[in-house]
Amino acid sequence: MDKEQKIEQRKKLSTICKGLGFILLAFMLFMPKWFVVFPILLIFSSWGFYIDGQRLMRKDPAPIQKNQKKQAFERLVSRYGEPSERIDFKKDRYDGIVDSILIFDDVQHIVLDGLDFEMRDLTDCRLVEDEHRNLYSVIVGVKGFGRSEVTLYLEEDGEMAKKIVGRISEIVQQYKTDL
C-alpha cells in the first residue's frame, strides 16, 4: 500500500469513527450511563486516525500534487511528443512543469509556468534584476490565457536567467520574422 492510499485510508477511518461516535452520543440519553464510554472512545480514535494521516502528509507534504504534475507532463508528451528542449529551475520547490520551460520545436509550442503557448504567441522577453537582493526574474510577453506576460522567478540564479532570456528571445525573433 503506497503513501497516498494510507493517507486516504486514515481519512476514511477518521470520518467513520467520528460519525459512529456522534451517533452513539445521540442515543446515550436512552441507554445506561456506562454506554457513554463507547462513543467517547470512538471519537478519540477518530482523532488518532486524523493525527496519523496528518503526520503521514507532513513527511511528504504534496504526494498528490507531485503525481498530478507528473500526469500533466505525460499529457503534454502524449500530445506533442518528447520536448526538444527542457530548461529546469528550482527543482527543490516543485519538481514539475511549473518551474520548467518545455520547448516542442516540432509542433511550435512552449510551456511556461505550466501554461501551454504556441511559439507565435510570445511577444518579448526581458530580464529583471533586483540589485539590492540579487534576485532575478524573466518576464515573457505573451498573448493568451487572459495574460499579457508570464513571470519566471529564478531567485539568485543569474546565469540561468540569462540563458532563458537568450533562448526565448531567439524564439520571439524567429516568429516575428515569419509574420
N, C-alpha and C. Protein backbone atom coordinates (compact mmCIF):
# COMPACT_ATOMS: atom_id res chain seq x y z
N MET A 1 0.86 -1.18 0.00
CA MET A 1 0.00 0.00 0.00
C MET A 1 0.90 1.24 0.00
N ASP A 2 0.71 2.13 -0.98
CA ASP A 2 1.55 3.31 -1.04
C ASP A 2 1.05 4.40 -0.09
N LYS A 3 1.83 5.45 0.01
CA LYS A 3 1.57 6.51 0.98
C LYS A 3 0.22 7.19 0.75
N GLU A 4 -0.13 7.46 -0.50
CA GLU A 4 -1.40 8.13 -0.80
C GLU A 4 -2.58 7.28 -0.35
N GLN A 5 -2.50 5.97 -0.54
CA GLN A 5 -3.57 5.08 -0.11
C GLN A 5 -3.68 5.05 1.40
N LYS A 6 -2.53 5.08 2.10
CA LYS A 6 -2.56 5.11 3.56
C LYS A 6 -3.22 6.39 4.06
N ILE A 7 -2.89 7.51 3.44
CA ILE A 7 -3.49 8.78 3.86
C ILE A 7 -4.99 8.75 3.65
N GLU A 8 -5.42 8.27 2.50
CA GLU A 8 -6.86 8.19 2.22
C GLU A 8 -7.55 7.23 3.20
N GLN A 9 -6.89 6.13 3.53
CA GLN A 9 -7.45 5.17 4.48
C GLN A 9 -7.63 5.81 5.85
N ARG A 10 -6.62 6.58 6.30
CA ARG A 10 -6.71 7.25 7.60
C ARG A 10 -7.85 8.26 7.60
N LYS A 11 -8.04 8.98 6.50
CA LYS A 11 -9.14 9.94 6.42
C LYS A 11 -10.49 9.24 6.53
N LYS A 12 -10.64 8.11 5.84
CA LYS A 12 -11.90 7.37 5.89
C LYS A 12 -12.16 6.83 7.29
N LEU A 13 -11.13 6.24 7.92
CA LEU A 13 -11.30 5.71 9.27
C LEU A 13 -11.65 6.81 10.26
N SER A 14 -11.03 7.97 10.11
CA SER A 14 -11.33 9.08 10.99
C SER A 14 -12.78 9.51 10.84
N THR A 15 -13.25 9.61 9.62
CA THR A 15 -14.63 10.03 9.37
C THR A 15 -15.63 9.00 9.90
N ILE A 16 -15.34 7.73 9.67
CA ILE A 16 -16.25 6.67 10.13
C ILE A 16 -16.33 6.66 11.66
N CYS A 17 -15.17 6.69 12.33
CA CYS A 17 -15.17 6.67 13.79
C CYS A 17 -15.87 7.89 14.37
N LYS A 18 -15.62 9.04 13.79
CA LYS A 18 -16.24 10.26 14.29
C LYS A 18 -17.75 10.18 14.12
N GLY A 19 -18.19 9.73 12.95
CA GLY A 19 -19.62 9.61 12.70
C GLY A 19 -20.30 8.65 13.66
N LEU A 20 -19.70 7.48 13.83
CA LEU A 20 -20.27 6.50 14.77
C LEU A 20 -20.28 7.04 16.19
N GLY A 21 -19.24 7.74 16.57
CA GLY A 21 -19.18 8.30 17.91
C GLY A 21 -20.29 9.30 18.17
N PHE A 22 -20.54 10.16 17.21
CA PHE A 22 -21.60 11.16 17.40
C PHE A 22 -22.99 10.52 17.35
N ILE A 23 -23.15 9.51 16.54
CA ILE A 23 -24.45 8.81 16.51
C ILE A 23 -24.71 8.14 17.85
N LEU A 24 -23.69 7.47 18.38
CA LEU A 24 -23.86 6.82 19.68
C LEU A 24 -24.08 7.83 20.80
N LEU A 25 -23.43 8.99 20.72
CA LEU A 25 -23.67 10.03 21.73
C LEU A 25 -25.12 10.51 21.68
N ALA A 26 -25.69 10.55 20.49
CA ALA A 26 -27.08 10.98 20.36
C ALA A 26 -28.02 10.00 21.04
N PHE A 27 -27.68 8.72 21.02
CA PHE A 27 -28.53 7.71 21.65
C PHE A 27 -28.23 7.50 23.12
N MET A 28 -27.24 8.18 23.66
CA MET A 28 -26.85 7.94 25.05
C MET A 28 -27.94 8.34 26.03
N LEU A 29 -28.83 9.21 25.63
CA LEU A 29 -29.91 9.61 26.53
C LEU A 29 -30.84 8.44 26.84
N PHE A 30 -30.89 7.47 25.91
CA PHE A 30 -31.79 6.34 26.08
C PHE A 30 -31.10 5.10 26.63
N MET A 31 -29.82 5.15 26.84
CA MET A 31 -29.05 3.99 27.27
C MET A 31 -28.53 4.20 28.70
N PRO A 32 -28.05 3.12 29.30
CA PRO A 32 -27.46 3.26 30.64
C PRO A 32 -26.20 4.13 30.60
N LYS A 33 -25.79 4.66 31.74
CA LYS A 33 -24.68 5.59 31.82
C LYS A 33 -23.35 4.98 31.37
N TRP A 34 -23.11 3.68 31.58
CA TRP A 34 -21.84 3.07 31.18
C TRP A 34 -21.66 3.05 29.67
N PHE A 35 -22.75 3.20 28.94
CA PHE A 35 -22.68 3.16 27.48
C PHE A 35 -22.04 4.41 26.89
N VAL A 36 -21.90 5.46 27.69
CA VAL A 36 -21.28 6.72 27.25
C VAL A 36 -19.81 6.51 26.89
N VAL A 37 -19.17 5.52 27.48
CA VAL A 37 -17.75 5.28 27.26
C VAL A 37 -17.47 4.93 25.79
N PHE A 38 -18.30 4.14 25.15
CA PHE A 38 -18.06 3.70 23.78
C PHE A 38 -18.03 4.85 22.76
N PRO A 39 -19.01 5.75 22.75
CA PRO A 39 -18.91 6.84 21.78
C PRO A 39 -17.71 7.75 22.03
N ILE A 40 -17.36 7.94 23.29
CA ILE A 40 -16.20 8.78 23.60
C ILE A 40 -14.93 8.12 23.07
N LEU A 41 -14.82 6.82 23.24
CA LEU A 41 -13.66 6.10 22.70
C LEU A 41 -13.60 6.19 21.18
N LEU A 42 -14.75 6.09 20.51
CA LEU A 42 -14.77 6.21 19.05
C LEU A 42 -14.35 7.60 18.59
N ILE A 43 -14.79 8.61 19.29
CA ILE A 43 -14.42 9.97 18.92
C ILE A 43 -12.91 10.17 19.09
N PHE A 44 -12.36 9.67 20.21
CA PHE A 44 -10.91 9.79 20.41
C PHE A 44 -10.11 8.99 19.39
N SER A 45 -10.62 7.82 19.00
CA SER A 45 -9.88 7.04 17.99
C SER A 45 -9.96 7.73 16.63
N SER A 46 -11.07 8.40 16.33
CA SER A 46 -11.14 9.14 15.06
C SER A 46 -10.10 10.25 15.06
N TRP A 47 -9.90 10.89 16.22
CA TRP A 47 -8.89 11.93 16.32
C TRP A 47 -7.50 11.33 16.09
N GLY A 48 -7.27 10.13 16.61
CA GLY A 48 -5.99 9.46 16.41
C GLY A 48 -5.73 9.16 14.94
N PHE A 49 -6.74 8.69 14.22
CA PHE A 49 -6.57 8.42 12.79
C PHE A 49 -6.30 9.72 12.03
N TYR A 50 -6.97 10.79 12.43
CA TYR A 50 -6.77 12.08 11.79
C TYR A 50 -5.32 12.55 11.99
N ILE A 51 -4.83 12.48 13.23
CA ILE A 51 -3.46 12.90 13.53
C ILE A 51 -2.46 12.04 12.77
N ASP A 52 -2.70 10.75 12.69
CA ASP A 52 -1.81 9.85 11.97
C ASP A 52 -1.75 10.22 10.48
N GLY A 53 -2.90 10.53 9.89
CA GLY A 53 -2.94 10.96 8.49
C GLY A 53 -2.18 12.26 8.29
N GLN A 54 -2.33 13.20 9.22
CA GLN A 54 -1.60 14.46 9.12
C GLN A 54 -0.10 14.24 9.23
N ARG A 55 0.32 13.32 10.10
CA ARG A 55 1.74 13.01 10.25
C ARG A 55 2.30 12.43 8.96
N LEU A 56 1.54 11.56 8.32
CA LEU A 56 1.99 10.98 7.06
C LEU A 56 2.12 12.05 5.98
N MET A 57 1.20 13.00 5.96
CA MET A 57 1.25 14.05 4.95
C MET A 57 2.42 15.01 5.20
N ARG A 58 2.79 15.23 6.47
CA ARG A 58 3.91 16.12 6.76
C ARG A 58 5.23 15.54 6.29
N LYS A 59 5.37 14.23 6.29
CA LYS A 59 6.60 13.61 5.82
C LYS A 59 6.82 13.92 4.35
N ASP A 60 5.78 13.89 3.57
CA ASP A 60 5.85 14.25 2.16
C ASP A 60 4.66 15.14 1.90
N PRO A 61 4.82 16.46 1.95
CA PRO A 61 3.69 17.37 2.00
C PRO A 61 2.77 17.37 0.78
N ALA A 62 3.28 16.98 -0.37
CA ALA A 62 2.42 17.08 -1.55
C ALA A 62 2.51 15.85 -2.44
N PRO A 63 2.23 14.64 -1.93
CA PRO A 63 2.34 13.48 -2.80
C PRO A 63 1.34 13.51 -3.94
N ILE A 64 0.17 14.04 -3.69
CA ILE A 64 -0.86 14.08 -4.72
C ILE A 64 -0.50 15.13 -5.77
N GLN A 65 0.03 16.28 -5.35
CA GLN A 65 0.42 17.32 -6.30
C GLN A 65 1.54 16.85 -7.21
N LYS A 66 2.52 16.13 -6.64
CA LYS A 66 3.61 15.62 -7.47
C LYS A 66 3.08 14.67 -8.53
N ASN A 67 2.12 13.83 -8.15
CA ASN A 67 1.53 12.90 -9.09
C ASN A 67 0.77 13.65 -10.18
N GLN A 68 0.05 14.70 -9.81
CA GLN A 68 -0.69 15.49 -10.80
C GLN A 68 0.26 16.18 -11.77
N LYS A 69 1.39 16.68 -11.28
CA LYS A 69 2.36 17.34 -12.15
C LYS A 69 2.99 16.35 -13.10
N LYS A 70 3.24 15.14 -12.62
CA LYS A 70 3.80 14.10 -13.48
C LYS A 70 2.79 13.76 -14.57
N GLN A 71 1.51 13.67 -14.20
CA GLN A 71 0.47 13.38 -15.19
C GLN A 71 0.35 14.51 -16.20
N ALA A 72 0.50 15.76 -15.76
CA ALA A 72 0.42 16.89 -16.69
C ALA A 72 1.56 16.81 -17.70
N PHE A 73 2.76 16.46 -17.25
CA PHE A 73 3.89 16.31 -18.16
C PHE A 73 3.63 15.17 -19.14
N GLU A 74 3.09 14.06 -18.65
CA GLU A 74 2.81 12.91 -19.52
C GLU A 74 1.75 13.26 -20.56
N ARG A 75 0.75 14.08 -20.18
CA ARG A 75 -0.26 14.51 -21.16
C ARG A 75 0.37 15.35 -22.27
N LEU A 76 1.28 16.25 -21.89
CA LEU A 76 1.96 17.06 -22.90
C LEU A 76 2.79 16.19 -23.83
N VAL A 77 3.50 15.22 -23.28
CA VAL A 77 4.33 14.33 -24.10
C VAL A 77 3.45 13.49 -25.03
N SER A 78 2.31 13.04 -24.54
CA SER A 78 1.43 12.25 -25.41
C SER A 78 0.83 13.11 -26.52
N ARG A 79 0.64 14.41 -26.25
CA ARG A 79 0.07 15.31 -27.26
C ARG A 79 1.12 15.77 -28.27
N TYR A 80 2.32 16.16 -27.80
CA TYR A 80 3.31 16.77 -28.67
C TYR A 80 4.55 15.93 -28.91
N GLY A 81 4.72 14.84 -28.19
CA GLY A 81 5.96 14.08 -28.27
C GLY A 81 6.94 14.60 -27.23
N GLU A 82 8.13 14.04 -27.21
CA GLU A 82 9.15 14.48 -26.24
C GLU A 82 9.56 15.92 -26.55
N PRO A 83 9.78 16.72 -25.50
CA PRO A 83 10.23 18.09 -25.75
C PRO A 83 11.62 18.09 -26.38
N SER A 84 11.83 19.00 -27.32
CA SER A 84 13.15 19.10 -27.93
C SER A 84 14.14 19.77 -26.99
N GLU A 85 13.61 20.54 -26.03
CA GLU A 85 14.47 21.18 -25.05
C GLU A 85 13.68 21.36 -23.75
N ARG A 86 14.37 21.13 -22.64
CA ARG A 86 13.74 21.32 -21.32
C ARG A 86 14.73 22.08 -20.46
N ILE A 87 14.27 23.20 -19.90
CA ILE A 87 15.09 24.01 -19.00
C ILE A 87 14.43 23.97 -17.63
N ASP A 88 15.09 23.34 -16.67
CA ASP A 88 14.55 23.22 -15.32
C ASP A 88 15.22 24.22 -14.39
N PHE A 89 14.43 24.80 -13.51
CA PHE A 89 14.96 25.67 -12.46
C PHE A 89 14.10 25.47 -11.21
N LYS A 90 14.71 25.67 -10.06
CA LYS A 90 14.06 25.49 -8.75
C LYS A 90 13.44 24.11 -8.61
N LYS A 91 14.18 23.06 -8.89
CA LYS A 91 13.67 21.70 -8.78
C LYS A 91 13.24 21.36 -7.36
N ASP A 92 13.91 21.93 -6.37
CA ASP A 92 13.59 21.60 -4.99
C ASP A 92 12.22 22.13 -4.58
N ARG A 93 11.68 23.07 -5.33
CA ARG A 93 10.40 23.67 -4.96
C ARG A 93 9.21 22.90 -5.51
N TYR A 94 9.19 22.60 -6.79
CA TYR A 94 8.02 21.97 -7.38
C TYR A 94 8.28 20.59 -7.99
N ASP A 95 9.40 20.41 -8.61
CA ASP A 95 9.70 19.15 -9.28
C ASP A 95 8.62 18.82 -10.31
N GLY A 96 8.21 19.80 -11.08
CA GLY A 96 7.18 19.60 -12.08
C GLY A 96 7.32 20.59 -13.22
N ILE A 97 6.25 20.73 -14.01
CA ILE A 97 6.32 21.58 -15.19
C ILE A 97 6.13 23.06 -14.87
N VAL A 98 5.78 23.40 -13.63
CA VAL A 98 5.57 24.81 -13.30
C VAL A 98 6.89 25.56 -13.33
N ASP A 99 7.93 24.99 -12.77
CA ASP A 99 9.24 25.65 -12.77
C ASP A 99 10.15 25.01 -13.81
N SER A 100 9.62 24.82 -14.98
CA SER A 100 10.38 24.31 -16.13
C SER A 100 9.89 25.04 -17.37
N ILE A 101 10.75 25.07 -18.35
CA ILE A 101 10.35 25.55 -19.67
C ILE A 101 10.48 24.35 -20.59
N LEU A 102 9.40 23.99 -21.23
CA LEU A 102 9.40 22.88 -22.17
C LEU A 102 9.23 23.44 -23.57
N ILE A 103 10.15 23.11 -24.45
CA ILE A 103 10.08 23.61 -25.83
C ILE A 103 9.85 22.43 -26.76
N PHE A 104 8.77 22.50 -27.53
CA PHE A 104 8.42 21.48 -28.51
C PHE A 104 8.58 22.11 -29.89
N ASP A 105 9.77 22.03 -30.45
CA ASP A 105 10.06 22.67 -31.74
C ASP A 105 9.22 22.08 -32.88
N ASP A 106 9.00 20.78 -32.88
CA ASP A 106 8.29 20.12 -33.98
C ASP A 106 6.87 20.65 -34.16
N VAL A 107 6.20 20.95 -33.04
CA VAL A 107 4.81 21.42 -33.12
C VAL A 107 4.68 22.91 -32.77
N GLN A 108 5.82 23.57 -32.57
CA GLN A 108 5.88 25.00 -32.30
C GLN A 108 5.07 25.42 -31.07
N HIS A 109 5.31 24.69 -29.96
CA HIS A 109 4.67 25.00 -28.69
C HIS A 109 5.74 25.16 -27.62
N ILE A 110 5.42 25.96 -26.61
CA ILE A 110 6.31 26.15 -25.47
C ILE A 110 5.45 26.21 -24.22
N VAL A 111 5.93 25.59 -23.15
CA VAL A 111 5.23 25.59 -21.87
C VAL A 111 6.01 26.47 -20.91
N LEU A 112 5.36 27.54 -20.46
CA LEU A 112 5.94 28.48 -19.49
C LEU A 112 5.05 28.54 -18.27
N ASP A 113 5.63 28.39 -17.10
CA ASP A 113 4.87 28.47 -15.85
C ASP A 113 3.68 27.52 -15.86
N GLY A 114 3.83 26.38 -16.51
CA GLY A 114 2.76 25.39 -16.57
C GLY A 114 1.69 25.68 -17.61
N LEU A 115 1.85 26.76 -18.38
CA LEU A 115 0.86 27.14 -19.40
C LEU A 115 1.41 26.85 -20.79
N ASP A 116 0.59 26.28 -21.64
CA ASP A 116 0.98 25.85 -22.98
C ASP A 116 0.67 26.97 -23.99
N PHE A 117 1.71 27.51 -24.61
CA PHE A 117 1.56 28.57 -25.60
C PHE A 117 2.09 28.11 -26.96
N GLU A 118 1.49 28.63 -28.03
CA GLU A 118 2.11 28.48 -29.33
C GLU A 118 3.28 29.46 -29.37
N MET A 119 4.36 29.10 -30.06
CA MET A 119 5.54 29.96 -30.06
C MET A 119 5.24 31.33 -30.67
N ARG A 120 4.31 31.40 -31.58
CA ARG A 120 3.99 32.70 -32.19
C ARG A 120 3.27 33.63 -31.21
N ASP A 121 2.82 33.09 -30.06
CA ASP A 121 2.15 33.90 -29.05
C ASP A 121 3.11 34.60 -28.09
N LEU A 122 4.42 34.35 -28.24
CA LEU A 122 5.41 35.05 -27.42
C LEU A 122 5.72 36.38 -28.09
N THR A 123 5.65 37.47 -27.33
CA THR A 123 5.86 38.80 -27.93
C THR A 123 7.20 39.42 -27.59
N ASP A 124 7.69 39.20 -26.38
CA ASP A 124 9.00 39.72 -25.99
C ASP A 124 9.49 39.01 -24.75
N CYS A 125 10.74 39.30 -24.38
CA CYS A 125 11.34 38.68 -23.21
C CYS A 125 12.37 39.64 -22.63
N ARG A 126 12.34 39.80 -21.31
CA ARG A 126 13.31 40.70 -20.69
C ARG A 126 13.70 40.17 -19.30
N LEU A 127 14.88 40.57 -18.90
CA LEU A 127 15.44 40.18 -17.61
C LEU A 127 15.21 41.32 -16.62
N VAL A 128 14.72 40.98 -15.44
CA VAL A 128 14.54 41.97 -14.38
C VAL A 128 15.42 41.55 -13.21
N GLU A 129 16.23 42.48 -12.76
CA GLU A 129 17.16 42.18 -11.67
C GLU A 129 16.93 43.14 -10.51
N ASP A 130 16.80 42.59 -9.33
CA ASP A 130 16.75 43.38 -8.11
C ASP A 130 18.18 43.39 -7.57
N GLU A 131 18.88 44.48 -7.82
CA GLU A 131 20.30 44.57 -7.48
C GLU A 131 20.55 44.54 -5.98
N HIS A 132 19.61 45.03 -5.19
CA HIS A 132 19.81 45.07 -3.74
C HIS A 132 19.76 43.69 -3.11
N ARG A 133 18.89 42.84 -3.62
CA ARG A 133 18.76 41.49 -3.05
C ARG A 133 19.35 40.42 -3.96
N ASN A 134 19.88 40.82 -5.11
CA ASN A 134 20.49 39.89 -6.06
C ASN A 134 19.49 38.81 -6.51
N LEU A 135 18.27 39.24 -6.86
CA LEU A 135 17.23 38.34 -7.33
C LEU A 135 16.95 38.61 -8.80
N TYR A 136 16.64 37.54 -9.54
CA TYR A 136 16.40 37.66 -10.98
C TYR A 136 15.02 37.12 -11.33
N SER A 137 14.40 37.79 -12.29
CA SER A 137 13.13 37.33 -12.85
C SER A 137 13.20 37.50 -14.36
N VAL A 138 12.53 36.60 -15.06
CA VAL A 138 12.41 36.71 -16.50
C VAL A 138 10.94 36.97 -16.79
N ILE A 139 10.68 38.04 -17.52
CA ILE A 139 9.30 38.39 -17.88
C ILE A 139 9.13 38.15 -19.37
N VAL A 140 8.16 37.29 -19.71
CA VAL A 140 7.90 36.93 -21.09
C VAL A 140 6.55 37.51 -21.48
N GLY A 141 6.53 38.35 -22.51
CA GLY A 141 5.27 38.88 -23.03
C GLY A 141 4.57 37.80 -23.84
N VAL A 142 3.28 37.62 -23.58
CA VAL A 142 2.51 36.56 -24.24
C VAL A 142 1.14 37.07 -24.67
N LYS A 143 0.53 36.30 -25.54
CA LYS A 143 -0.87 36.50 -25.92
C LYS A 143 -1.60 35.22 -25.55
N GLY A 144 -2.64 35.32 -24.77
CA GLY A 144 -3.43 34.15 -24.41
C GLY A 144 -3.56 33.98 -22.92
N PHE A 145 -4.51 33.16 -22.51
CA PHE A 145 -4.83 32.86 -21.12
C PHE A 145 -5.19 34.12 -20.34
N GLY A 146 -5.64 35.16 -21.05
CA GLY A 146 -6.03 36.40 -20.39
C GLY A 146 -4.86 37.11 -19.73
N ARG A 147 -3.66 36.86 -20.23
CA ARG A 147 -2.46 37.46 -19.66
C ARG A 147 -1.70 38.22 -20.73
N SER A 148 -0.93 39.18 -20.27
CA SER A 148 -0.04 39.87 -21.21
C SER A 148 1.41 39.48 -20.96
N GLU A 149 1.67 38.85 -19.80
CA GLU A 149 3.02 38.41 -19.51
C GLU A 149 3.03 37.25 -18.52
N VAL A 150 4.13 36.51 -18.55
CA VAL A 150 4.37 35.42 -17.61
C VAL A 150 5.70 35.74 -16.92
N THR A 151 5.69 35.67 -15.61
CA THR A 151 6.91 35.96 -14.85
C THR A 151 7.50 34.66 -14.32
N LEU A 152 8.77 34.45 -14.61
CA LEU A 152 9.51 33.29 -14.12
C LEU A 152 10.50 33.78 -13.07
N TYR A 153 10.35 33.31 -11.85
CA TYR A 153 11.23 33.74 -10.76
C TYR A 153 12.40 32.79 -10.65
N LEU A 154 13.60 33.33 -10.84
CA LEU A 154 14.79 32.50 -10.78
C LEU A 154 15.62 32.75 -9.53
N GLU A 155 15.14 33.57 -8.66
CA GLU A 155 15.80 33.92 -7.41
C GLU A 155 17.23 34.38 -7.68
N GLU A 156 18.25 33.66 -7.21
CA GLU A 156 19.64 34.14 -7.31
C GLU A 156 20.40 33.57 -8.49
N ASP A 157 19.74 32.85 -9.36
CA ASP A 157 20.41 32.17 -10.48
C ASP A 157 20.46 33.07 -11.72
N GLY A 158 21.41 34.01 -11.71
CA GLY A 158 21.54 34.96 -12.80
C GLY A 158 21.95 34.31 -14.11
N GLU A 159 22.81 33.31 -14.07
CA GLU A 159 23.25 32.62 -15.29
C GLU A 159 22.08 31.92 -15.96
N MET A 160 21.24 31.24 -15.17
CA MET A 160 20.07 30.57 -15.73
C MET A 160 19.11 31.61 -16.32
N ALA A 161 18.94 32.74 -15.64
CA ALA A 161 18.05 33.79 -16.14
C ALA A 161 18.53 34.30 -17.49
N LYS A 162 19.84 34.52 -17.64
CA LYS A 162 20.38 34.98 -18.92
C LYS A 162 20.21 33.93 -20.01
N LYS A 163 20.39 32.67 -19.65
CA LYS A 163 20.21 31.58 -20.62
C LYS A 163 18.76 31.55 -21.12
N ILE A 164 17.81 31.68 -20.19
CA ILE A 164 16.38 31.64 -20.55
C ILE A 164 16.03 32.84 -21.43
N VAL A 165 16.49 34.02 -21.07
CA VAL A 165 16.20 35.22 -21.87
C VAL A 165 16.75 35.04 -23.28
N GLY A 166 17.97 34.52 -23.38
CA GLY A 166 18.56 34.30 -24.70
C GLY A 166 17.75 33.33 -25.55
N ARG A 167 17.35 32.21 -24.96
CA ARG A 167 16.61 31.19 -25.72
C ARG A 167 15.22 31.69 -26.12
N ILE A 168 14.51 32.32 -25.20
CA ILE A 168 13.16 32.81 -25.53
C ILE A 168 13.24 33.96 -26.53
N SER A 169 14.26 34.79 -26.42
CA SER A 169 14.43 35.89 -27.39
C SER A 169 14.66 35.33 -28.80
N GLU A 170 15.39 34.23 -28.90
CA GLU A 170 15.58 33.57 -30.20
C GLU A 170 14.23 33.15 -30.79
N ILE A 171 13.39 32.57 -29.95
CA ILE A 171 12.07 32.11 -30.41
C ILE A 171 11.23 33.31 -30.85
N VAL A 172 11.24 34.38 -30.05
CA VAL A 172 10.46 35.58 -30.38
C VAL A 172 10.93 36.14 -31.73
N GLN A 173 12.23 36.25 -31.92
CA GLN A 173 12.78 36.77 -33.17
C GLN A 173 12.40 35.88 -34.36
N GLN A 174 12.48 34.58 -34.16
CA GLN A 174 12.16 33.65 -35.25
C GLN A 174 10.72 33.82 -35.72
N TYR A 175 9.79 33.99 -34.80
CA TYR A 175 8.39 34.08 -35.17
C TYR A 175 7.96 35.49 -35.53
N LYS A 176 8.75 36.50 -35.17
CA LYS A 176 8.47 37.86 -35.64
C LYS A 176 8.82 37.97 -37.12
N THR A 177 9.91 37.34 -37.54
CA THR A 177 10.33 37.42 -38.94
C THR A 177 9.44 36.57 -39.84
N ASP A 178 8.76 35.56 -39.26
CA ASP A 178 7.90 34.71 -40.07
C ASP A 178 6.55 35.34 -40.37
N LEU A 179 6.24 36.46 -39.73
CA LEU A 179 4.91 37.07 -39.92
C LEU A 179 4.80 37.78 -41.26
